[in-house]
Amino acid sequence: RTGGIAGVFHTAAKVGAWGSWEDFYATNVDGTRNVIECCRDFAVPRLVYTSTPSVVFETEDLRGADESLPYARQSRSRYAASKAIAST
């Protein structure tokens, strides 16, 4: 199948400092998996996934950072942890 879609920008997420792990996981990990599957089902050639600097933040300010930084050894929030999982 093809939907004639040139690309998808996936910017949706459950954000915040509060909430259950299950809610963060369902939205950010399972939700991202659903977006990827739909893109595959409809032969969408490009997917731009936005994450968060939180996935690489340790304790120091991030200056000049880009996507080449490794993920933090310890996530500082459920949001950051779920976004890191969804990115892999």
PDB file of N, CA and C in Angstrom:
ATOM      1  N   ARG A   1       0.844  -1.196   0.000  1.00  0.00           N
ATOM      2  CA  ARG A   1       0.000   0.000   0.000  1.00  0.00           C
ATOM      3  C   ARG A   1       0.876   1.243   0.000  1.00  0.00           C
ATOM      4  N   THR A   2       0.365   2.249  -0.589  1.00  0.00           N
ATOM      5  CA  THR A   2       1.051   3.536  -0.548  1.00  0.00           C
ATOM      6  C   THR A   2       0.026   4.633  -0.380  1.00  0.00           C
ATOM      7  N   GLY A   3       0.353   5.576   0.462  1.00  0.00           N
ATOM      8  CA  GLY A   3      -0.566   6.678   0.717  1.00  0.00           C
ATOM      9  C   GLY A   3      -0.129   7.971   0.076  1.00  0.00           C
ATOM     10  N   GLY A   4       0.983   7.955  -0.658  1.00  0.00           N
ATOM     11  CA  GLY A   4       1.460   9.160  -1.299  1.00  0.00           C
ATOM     12  C   GLY A   4       1.966  10.207  -0.317  1.00  0.00           C
ATOM     13  N   ILE A   5       2.354   9.780   0.869  1.00  0.00           N
ATOM     14  CA  ILE A   5       2.821  10.694   1.901  1.00  0.00           C
ATOM     15  C   ILE A   5       4.339  10.807   1.789  1.00  0.00           C
ATOM     16  N   ALA A   6       4.852  12.037   1.734  1.00  0.00           N
ATOM     17  CA  ALA A   6       6.291  12.257   1.568  1.00  0.00           C
ATOM     18  C   ALA A   6       7.060  12.017   2.859  1.00  0.00           C
ATOM     19  N   GLY A   7       6.433  12.282   3.985  1.00  0.00           N
ATOM     20  CA  GLY A   7       7.130  12.105   5.249  1.00  0.00           C
ATOM     21  C   GLY A   7       6.236  12.393   6.429  1.00  0.00           C
ATOM     22  N   VAL A   8       6.697  11.976   7.598  1.00  0.00           N
ATOM     23  CA  VAL A   8       5.966  12.180   8.849  1.00  0.00           C
ATOM     24  C   VAL A   8       6.921  12.790   9.869  1.00  0.00           C
ATOM     25  N   PHE A   9       6.445  13.802  10.574  1.00  0.00           N
ATOM     26  CA  PHE A   9       7.157  14.364  11.709  1.00  0.00           C
ATOM     27  C   PHE A   9       6.468  13.861  12.967  1.00  0.00           C
ATOM     28  N   HIS A  10       7.179  13.065  13.746  1.00  0.00           N
ATOM     29  CA  HIS A  10       6.607  12.516  14.983  1.00  0.00           C
ATOM     30  C   HIS A  10       7.116  13.348  16.153  1.00  0.00           C
ATOM     31  N   THR A  11       6.257  14.210  16.675  1.00  0.00           N
ATOM     32  CA  THR A  11       6.633  15.093  17.779  1.00  0.00           C
ATOM     33  C   THR A  11       5.785  14.855  19.024  1.00  0.00           C
ATOM     34  N   ALA A  12       4.866  13.915  18.959  1.00  0.00           N
ATOM     35  CA  ALA A  12       3.962  13.666  20.088  1.00  0.00           C
ATOM     36  C   ALA A  12       4.682  12.918  21.200  1.00  0.00           C
ATOM     37  N   ALA A  13       4.315  13.231  22.439  1.00  0.00           N
ATOM     38  CA  ALA A  13       4.905  12.528  23.588  1.00  0.00           C
ATOM     39  C   ALA A  13       4.140  12.886  24.849  1.00  0.00           C
ATOM     40  N   LYS A  14       4.222  12.000  25.810  1.00  0.00           N
ATOM     41  CA  LYS A  14       3.784  12.335  27.169  1.00  0.00           C
ATOM     42  C   LYS A  14       5.002  12.948  27.836  1.00  0.00           C
ATOM     43  N   VAL A  15       4.868  14.192  28.272  1.00  0.00           N
ATOM     44  CA  VAL A  15       5.982  14.899  28.916  1.00  0.00           C
ATOM     45  C   VAL A  15       5.611  15.217  30.351  1.00  0.00           C
ATOM     46  N   GLY A  16       6.592  15.600  31.109  1.00  0.00           N
ATOM     47  CA  GLY A  16       6.325  16.051  32.465  1.00  0.00           C
ATOM     48  C   GLY A  16       7.144  15.288  33.490  1.00  0.00           C
ATOM     49  N   ALA A  17       7.078  15.808  34.690  1.00  0.00           N
ATOM     50  CA  ALA A  17       7.831  15.220  35.799  1.00  0.00           C
ATOM     51  C   ALA A  17       7.012  14.190  36.563  1.00  0.00           C
ATOM     52  N   TRP A  18       5.713  14.148  36.347  1.00  0.00           N
ATOM     53  CA  TRP A  18       4.848  13.269  37.133  1.00  0.00           C
ATOM     54  C   TRP A  18       4.086  12.321  36.225  1.00  0.00           C
ATOM     55  N   GLY A  19       3.758  11.175  36.746  1.00  0.00           N
ATOM     56  CA  GLY A  19       2.956  10.208  36.015  1.00  0.00           C
ATOM     57  C   GLY A  19       3.517   8.817  36.191  1.00  0.00           C
ATOM     58  N   SER A  20       2.692   7.854  35.863  1.00  0.00           N
ATOM     59  CA  SER A  20       3.116   6.462  36.032  1.00  0.00           C
ATOM     60  C   SER A  20       4.040   6.042  34.896  1.00  0.00           C
ATOM     61  N   TRP A  21       4.913   5.087  35.196  1.00  0.00           N
ATOM     62  CA  TRP A  21       5.797   4.531  34.183  1.00  0.00           C
ATOM     63  C   TRP A  21       4.973   3.947  33.040  1.00  0.00           C
ATOM     64  N   GLU A  22       3.882   3.294  33.369  1.00  0.00           N
ATOM     65  CA  GLU A  22       3.031   2.675  32.346  1.00  0.00           C
ATOM     66  C   GLU A  22       2.513   3.711  31.351  1.00  0.00           C
ATOM     67  N   ASP A  23       2.100   4.887  31.842  1.00  0.00           N
ATOM     68  CA  ASP A  23       1.607   5.944  30.949  1.00  0.00           C
ATOM     69  C   ASP A  23       2.711   6.481  30.049  1.00  0.00           C
ATOM     70  N   PHE A  24       3.894   6.726  30.623  1.00  0.00           N
ATOM     71  CA  PHE A  24       5.007   7.202  29.802  1.00  0.00           C
ATOM     72  C   PHE A  24       5.379   6.154  28.754  1.00  0.00           C
ATOM     73  N   TYR A  25       5.452   4.905  29.158  1.00  0.00           N
ATOM     74  CA  TYR A  25       5.823   3.838  28.243  1.00  0.00           C
ATOM     75  C   TYR A  25       4.782   3.680  27.120  1.00  0.00           C
ATOM     76  N   ALA A  26       3.526   3.645  27.486  1.00  0.00           N
ATOM     77  CA  ALA A  26       2.464   3.446  26.485  1.00  0.00           C
ATOM     78  C   ALA A  26       2.479   4.558  25.442  1.00  0.00           C
ATOM     79  N   THR A  27       2.642   5.776  25.888  1.00  0.00           N
ATOM     80  CA  THR A  27       2.619   6.900  24.950  1.00  0.00           C
ATOM     81  C   THR A  27       3.911   7.013  24.168  1.00  0.00           C
ATOM     82  N   ASN A  28       5.033   7.013  24.861  1.00  0.00           N
ATOM     83  CA  ASN A  28       6.291   7.337  24.209  1.00  0.00           C
ATOM     84  C   ASN A  28       6.964   6.156  23.518  1.00  0.00           C
ATOM     85  N   VAL A  29       6.834   4.967  24.053  1.00  0.00           N
ATOM     86  CA  VAL A  29       7.459   3.798  23.423  1.00  0.00           C
ATOM     87  C   VAL A  29       6.471   3.103  22.488  1.00  0.00           C
ATOM     88  N   ASP A  30       5.337   2.679  23.026  1.00  0.00           N
ATOM     89  CA  ASP A  30       4.347   2.001  22.183  1.00  0.00           C
ATOM     90  C   ASP A  30       3.807   2.944  21.103  1.00  0.00           C
ATOM     91  N   GLY A  31       3.582   4.199  21.459  1.00  0.00           N
ATOM     92  CA  GLY A  31       3.096   5.179  20.477  1.00  0.00           C
ATOM     93  C   GLY A  31       4.075   5.356  19.333  1.00  0.00           C
ATOM     94  N   THR A  32       5.358   5.454  19.659  1.00  0.00           N
ATOM     95  CA  THR A  32       6.381   5.590  18.611  1.00  0.00           C
ATOM     96  C   THR A  32       6.434   4.341  17.749  1.00  0.00           C
ATOM     97  N   ARG A  33       6.336   3.182  18.375  1.00  0.00           N
ATOM     98  CA  ARG A  33       6.316   1.927  17.620  1.00  0.00           C
ATOM     99  C   ARG A  33       5.126   1.931  16.632  1.00  0.00           C
ATOM    100  N   ASN A  34       3.979   2.409  17.065  1.00  0.00           N
ATOM    101  CA  ASN A  34       2.802   2.475  16.183  1.00  0.00           C
ATOM    102  C   ASN A  34       3.041   3.410  15.002  1.00  0.00           C
ATOM    103  N   VAL A  35       3.667   4.556  15.262  1.00  0.00           N
ATOM    104  CA  VAL A  35       3.967   5.497  14.177  1.00  0.00           C
ATOM    105  C   VAL A  35       4.895   4.834  13.159  1.00  0.00           C
ATOM    106  N   ILE A  36       5.929   4.162  13.636  1.00  0.00           N
ATOM    107  CA  ILE A  36       6.868   3.488  12.738  1.00  0.00           C
ATOM    108  C   ILE A  36       6.158   2.416  11.914  1.00  0.00           C
ATOM    109  N   GLU A  37       5.326   1.612  12.557  1.00  0.00           N
ATOM    110  CA  GLU A  37       4.597   0.567  11.833  1.00  0.00           C
ATOM    111  C   GLU A  37       3.677   1.158  10.773  1.00  0.00           C
ATOM    112  N   CYS A  38       3.000   2.239  11.089  1.00  0.00           N
ATOM    113  CA  CYS A  38       2.121   2.878  10.103  1.00  0.00           C
ATOM    114  C   CYS A  38       2.923   3.431   8.930  1.00  0.00           C
ATOM    115  N   CYS A  39       4.076   4.021   9.226  1.00  0.00           N
ATOM    116  CA  CYS A  39       4.927   4.513   8.140  1.00  0.00           C
ATOM    117  C   CYS A  39       5.354   3.366   7.231  1.00  0.00           C
ATOM    118  N   ARG A  40       5.695   2.240   7.812  1.00  0.00           N
ATOM    119  CA  ARG A  40       6.069   1.071   7.011  1.00  0.00           C
ATOM    120  C   ARG A  40       4.877   0.561   6.208  1.00  0.00           C
ATOM    121  N   ASP A  41       3.716   0.452   6.858  1.00  0.00           N
ATOM    122  CA  ASP A  41       2.513  -0.054   6.179  1.00  0.00           C
ATOM    123  C   ASP A  41       2.135   0.793   4.971  1.00  0.00           C
ATOM    124  N   PHE A  42       2.359   2.098   5.065  1.00  0.00           N
ATOM    125  CA  PHE A  42       1.955   3.005   3.997  1.00  0.00           C
ATOM    126  C   PHE A  42       3.138   3.485   3.157  1.00  0.00           C
ATOM    127  N   ALA A  43       4.262   2.796   3.279  1.00  0.00           N
ATOM    128  CA  ALA A  43       5.459   3.083   2.482  1.00  0.00           C
ATOM    129  C   ALA A  43       5.860   4.556   2.549  1.00  0.00           C
ATOM    130  N   VAL A  44       5.791   5.123   3.734  1.00  0.00           N
ATOM    131  CA  VAL A  44       6.229   6.506   3.931  1.00  0.00           C
ATOM    132  C   VAL A  44       7.754   6.500   3.927  1.00  0.00           C
ATOM    133  N   PRO A  45       8.374   7.259   3.018  1.00  0.00           N
ATOM    134  CA  PRO A  45       9.824   7.149   2.863  1.00  0.00           C
ATOM    135  C   PRO A  45      10.655   7.855   3.929  1.00  0.00           C
ATOM    136  N   ARG A  46      10.057   8.802   4.664  1.00  0.00           N
ATOM    137  CA  ARG A  46      10.834   9.543   5.662  1.00  0.00           C
ATOM    138  C   ARG A  46      10.048   9.705   6.954  1.00  0.00           C
ATOM    139  N   LEU A  47      10.755   9.491   8.052  1.00  0.00           N
ATOM    140  CA  LEU A  47      10.187   9.725   9.378  1.00  0.00           C
ATOM    141  C   LEU A  47      11.191  10.551  10.166  1.00  0.00           C
ATOM    142  N   VAL A  48      10.747  11.696  10.663  1.00  0.00           N
ATOM    143  CA  VAL A  48      11.577  12.528  11.528  1.00  0.00           C
ATOM    144  C   VAL A  48      11.023  12.366  12.937  1.00  0.00           C
ATOM    145  N   TYR A  49      11.844  11.824  13.806  1.00  0.00           N
ATOM    146  CA  TYR A  49      11.457  11.563  15.190  1.00  0.00           C
ATOM    147  C   TYR A  49      12.156  12.575  16.086  1.00  0.00           C
ATOM    148  N   THR A  50      11.383  13.313  16.849  1.00  0.00           N
ATOM    149  CA  THR A  50      11.995  14.261  17.783  1.00  0.00           C
ATOM    150  C   THR A  50      12.033  13.632  19.163  1.00  0.00           C
ATOM    151  N   SER A  51      13.175  13.771  19.791  1.00  0.00           N
ATOM    152  CA  SER A  51      13.330  13.246  21.133  1.00  0.00           C
ATOM    153  C   SER A  51      13.504  14.411  22.086  1.00  0.00           C
ATOM    154  N   THR A  52      14.483  14.340  22.954  1.00  0.00           N
ATOM    155  CA  THR A  52      14.685  15.377  23.961  1.00  0.00           C
ATOM    156  C   THR A  52      16.135  15.381  24.412  1.00  0.00           C
ATOM    157  N   PRO A  53      16.665  16.542  24.760  1.00  0.00           N
ATOM    158  CA  PRO A  53      18.017  16.576  25.323  1.00  0.00           C
ATOM    159  C   PRO A  53      18.107  15.774  26.624  1.00  0.00           C
ATOM    160  N   SER A  54      16.976  15.515  27.244  1.00  0.00           N
ATOM    161  CA  SER A  54      16.951  14.758  28.503  1.00  0.00           C
ATOM    162  C   SER A  54      17.564  13.372  28.375  1.00  0.00           C
ATOM    163  N   VAL A  55      17.553  12.795  27.171  1.00  0.00           N
ATOM    164  CA  VAL A  55      18.084  11.439  27.015  1.00  0.00           C
ATOM    165  C   VAL A  55      19.599  11.385  27.130  1.00  0.00           C
ATOM    166  N   VAL A  56      20.268  12.532  26.971  1.00  0.00           N
ATOM    167  CA  VAL A  56      21.728  12.566  27.064  1.00  0.00           C
ATOM    168  C   VAL A  56      22.221  13.370  28.264  1.00  0.00           C
ATOM    169  N   PHE A  57      21.318  14.001  28.982  1.00  0.00           N
ATOM    170  CA  PHE A  57      21.724  14.857  30.099  1.00  0.00           C
ATOM    171  C   PHE A  57      22.218  14.031  31.278  1.00  0.00           C
ATOM    172  N   GLU A  58      23.393  14.388  31.757  1.00  0.00           N
ATOM    173  CA  GLU A  58      23.948  13.764  32.969  1.00  0.00           C
ATOM    174  C   GLU A  58      23.806  14.768  34.116  1.00  0.00           C
ATOM    175  N   THR A  59      24.758  15.673  34.235  1.00  0.00           N
ATOM    176  CA  THR A  59      24.684  16.701  35.284  1.00  0.00           C
ATOM    177  C   THR A  59      25.195  18.043  34.799  1.00  0.00           C
ATOM    178  N   GLU A  60      25.880  18.068  33.677  1.00  0.00           N
ATOM    179  CA  GLU A  60      26.471  19.298  33.143  1.00  0.00           C
ATOM    180  C   GLU A  60      25.585  19.875  32.052  1.00  0.00           C
ATOM    181  N   ASP A  61      25.645  21.203  31.888  1.00  0.00           N
ATOM    182  CA  ASP A  61      24.924  21.851  30.801  1.00  0.00           C
ATOM    183  C   ASP A  61      25.380  21.268  29.465  1.00  0.00           C
ATOM    184  N   LEU A  62      24.458  21.202  28.526  1.00  0.00           N
ATOM    185  CA  LEU A  62      24.768  20.705  27.188  1.00  0.00           C
ATOM    186  C   LEU A  62      25.017  21.895  26.265  1.00  0.00           C
ATOM    187  N   ARG A  63      26.248  22.064  25.850  1.00  0.00           N
ATOM    188  CA  ARG A  63      26.606  23.149  24.927  1.00  0.00           C
ATOM    189  C   ARG A  63      27.243  22.531  23.699  1.00  0.00           C
ATOM    190  N   GLY A  64      26.737  22.915  22.555  1.00  0.00           N
ATOM    191  CA  GLY A  64      27.258  22.363  21.314  1.00  0.00           C
ATOM    192  C   GLY A  64      26.912  20.898  21.130  1.00  0.00           C
ATOM    193  N   ALA A  65      25.896  20.442  21.826  1.00  0.00           N
ATOM    194  CA  ALA A  65      25.508  19.026  21.764  1.00  0.00           C
ATOM    195  C   ALA A  65      24.797  18.715  20.449  1.00  0.00           C
ATOM    196  N   ASP A  66      24.942  17.487  20.019  1.00  0.00           N
ATOM    197  CA  ASP A  66      24.192  17.005  18.866  1.00  0.00           C
ATOM    198  C   ASP A  66      23.843  15.534  19.086  1.00  0.00           C
ATOM    199  N   GLU A  67      23.276  14.914  18.066  1.00  0.00           N
ATOM    200  CA  GLU A  67      22.778  13.547  18.210  1.00  0.00           C
ATOM    201  C   GLU A  67      23.874  12.501  18.364  1.00  0.00           C
ATOM    202  N   SER A  68      25.127  12.907  18.296  1.00  0.00           N
ATOM    203  CA  SER A  68      26.207  11.937  18.463  1.00  0.00           C
ATOM    204  C   SER A  68      26.514  11.636  19.936  1.00  0.00           C
ATOM    205  N   LEU A  69      25.964  12.402  20.860  1.00  0.00           N
ATOM    206  CA  LEU A  69      26.210  12.142  22.283  1.00  0.00           C
ATOM    207  C   LEU A  69      25.599  10.807  22.709  1.00  0.00           C
ATOM    208  N   PRO A  70      26.256  10.088  23.586  1.00  0.00           N
ATOM    209  CA  PRO A  70      25.677   8.837  24.096  1.00  0.00           C
ATOM    210  C   PRO A  70      24.534   9.128  25.064  1.00  0.00           C
ATOM    211  N   TYR A  71      23.648   8.168  25.199  1.00  0.00           N
ATOM    212  CA  TYR A  71      22.568   8.318  26.170  1.00  0.00           C
ATOM    213  C   TYR A  71      23.145   8.383  27.578  1.00  0.00           C
ATOM    214  N   ALA A  72      22.433   9.053  28.456  1.00  0.00           N
ATOM    215  CA  ALA A  72      22.849   9.153  29.854  1.00  0.00           C
ATOM    216  C   ALA A  72      22.906   7.762  30.474  1.00  0.00           C
ATOM    217  N   ARG A  73      23.843   7.578  31.381  1.00  0.00           N
ATOM    218  CA  ARG A  73      23.944   6.282  32.073  1.00  0.00           C
ATOM    219  C   ARG A  73      22.738   6.058  32.974  1.00  0.00           C
ATOM    220  N   GLN A  74      22.192   7.136  33.508  1.00  0.00           N
ATOM    221  CA  GLN A  74      21.031   7.065  34.407  1.00  0.00           C
ATOM    222  C   GLN A  74      20.051   8.160  34.011  1.00  0.00           C
ATOM    223  N   SER A  75      18.855   7.776  33.574  1.00  0.00           N
ATOM    224  CA  SER A  75      17.834   8.768  33.225  1.00  0.00           C
ATOM    225  C   SER A  75      17.383   9.511  34.467  1.00  0.00           C
ATOM    226  N   ARG A  76      17.093  10.768  34.309  1.00  0.00           N
ATOM    227  CA  ARG A  76      16.681  11.619  35.420  1.00  0.00           C
ATOM    228  C   ARG A  76      15.169  11.654  35.611  1.00  0.00           C
ATOM    229  N   SER A  77      14.430  11.043  34.689  1.00  0.00           N
ATOM    230  CA  SER A  77      12.968  11.061  34.799  1.00  0.00           C
ATOM    231  C   SER A  77      12.377   9.913  33.991  1.00  0.00           C
ATOM    232  N   ARG A  78      11.132   9.622  34.244  1.00  0.00           N
ATOM    233  CA  ARG A  78      10.427   8.597  33.465  1.00  0.00           C
ATOM    234  C   ARG A  78      10.274   9.046  32.017  1.00  0.00           C
ATOM    235  N   TYR A  79      10.069  10.338  31.841  1.00  0.00           N
ATOM    236  CA  TYR A  79       9.971  10.894  30.486  1.00  0.00           C
ATOM    237  C   TYR A  79      11.248  10.603  29.706  1.00  0.00           C
ATOM    238  N   ALA A  80      12.400  10.971  30.273  1.00  0.00           N
ATOM    239  CA  ALA A  80      13.679  10.766  29.580  1.00  0.00           C
ATOM    240  C   ALA A  80      13.931   9.285  29.322  1.00  0.00           C
ATOM    241  N   ALA A  81      13.652   8.442  30.300  1.00  0.00           N
ATOM    242  CA  ALA A  81      13.865   7.001  30.132  1.00  0.00           C
ATOM    243  C   ALA A  81      12.998   6.446  29.007  1.00  0.00           C
ATOM    244  N   SER A  82      11.745   6.844  28.954  1.00  0.00           N
ATOM    245  CA  SER A  82      10.842   6.320  27.912  1.00  0.00           C
ATOM    246  C   SER A  82      11.243   6.838  26.532  1.00  0.00           C
ATOM    247  N   LYS A  83      11.711   8.068  26.437  1.00  0.00           N
ATOM    248  CA  LYS A  83      12.150   8.605  25.147  1.00  0.00           C
ATOM    249  C   LYS A  83      13.431   7.908  24.688  1.00  0.00           C
ATOM    250  N   ALA A  84      14.326   7.574  25.607  1.00  0.00           N
ATOM    251  CA  ALA A  84      15.539   6.856  25.244  1.00  0.00           C
ATOM    252  C   ALA A  84      15.192   5.466  24.711  1.00  0.00           C
ATOM    253  N   ILE A  85      14.268   4.788  25.364  1.00  0.00           N
ATOM    254  CA  ILE A  85      13.847   3.466  24.887  1.00  0.00           C
ATOM    255  C   ILE A  85      13.217   3.575  23.499  1.00  0.00           C
ATOM    256  N   ALA A  86      12.376   4.565  23.310  1.00  0.00           N
ATOM    257  CA  ALA A  86      11.701   4.733  22.011  1.00  0.00           C
ATOM    258  C   ALA A  86      12.688   5.059  20.906  1.00  0.00           C
ATOM    259  N   SER A  87      13.827   5.644  21.248  1.00  0.00           N
ATOM    260  CA  SER A  87      14.828   6.028  20.257  1.00  0.00           C
ATOM    261  C   SER A  87      15.667   4.852  19.773  1.00  0.00           C
ATOM    262  N   THR A  88      15.602   3.753  20.485  1.00  0.00           N
ATOM    263  CA  THR A  88      16.472   2.628  20.127  1.00  0.00           C
ATOM    264  C   THR A  88      15.784   1.617  19.244  1.00  0.00           C
TER     265      THR A  88
END
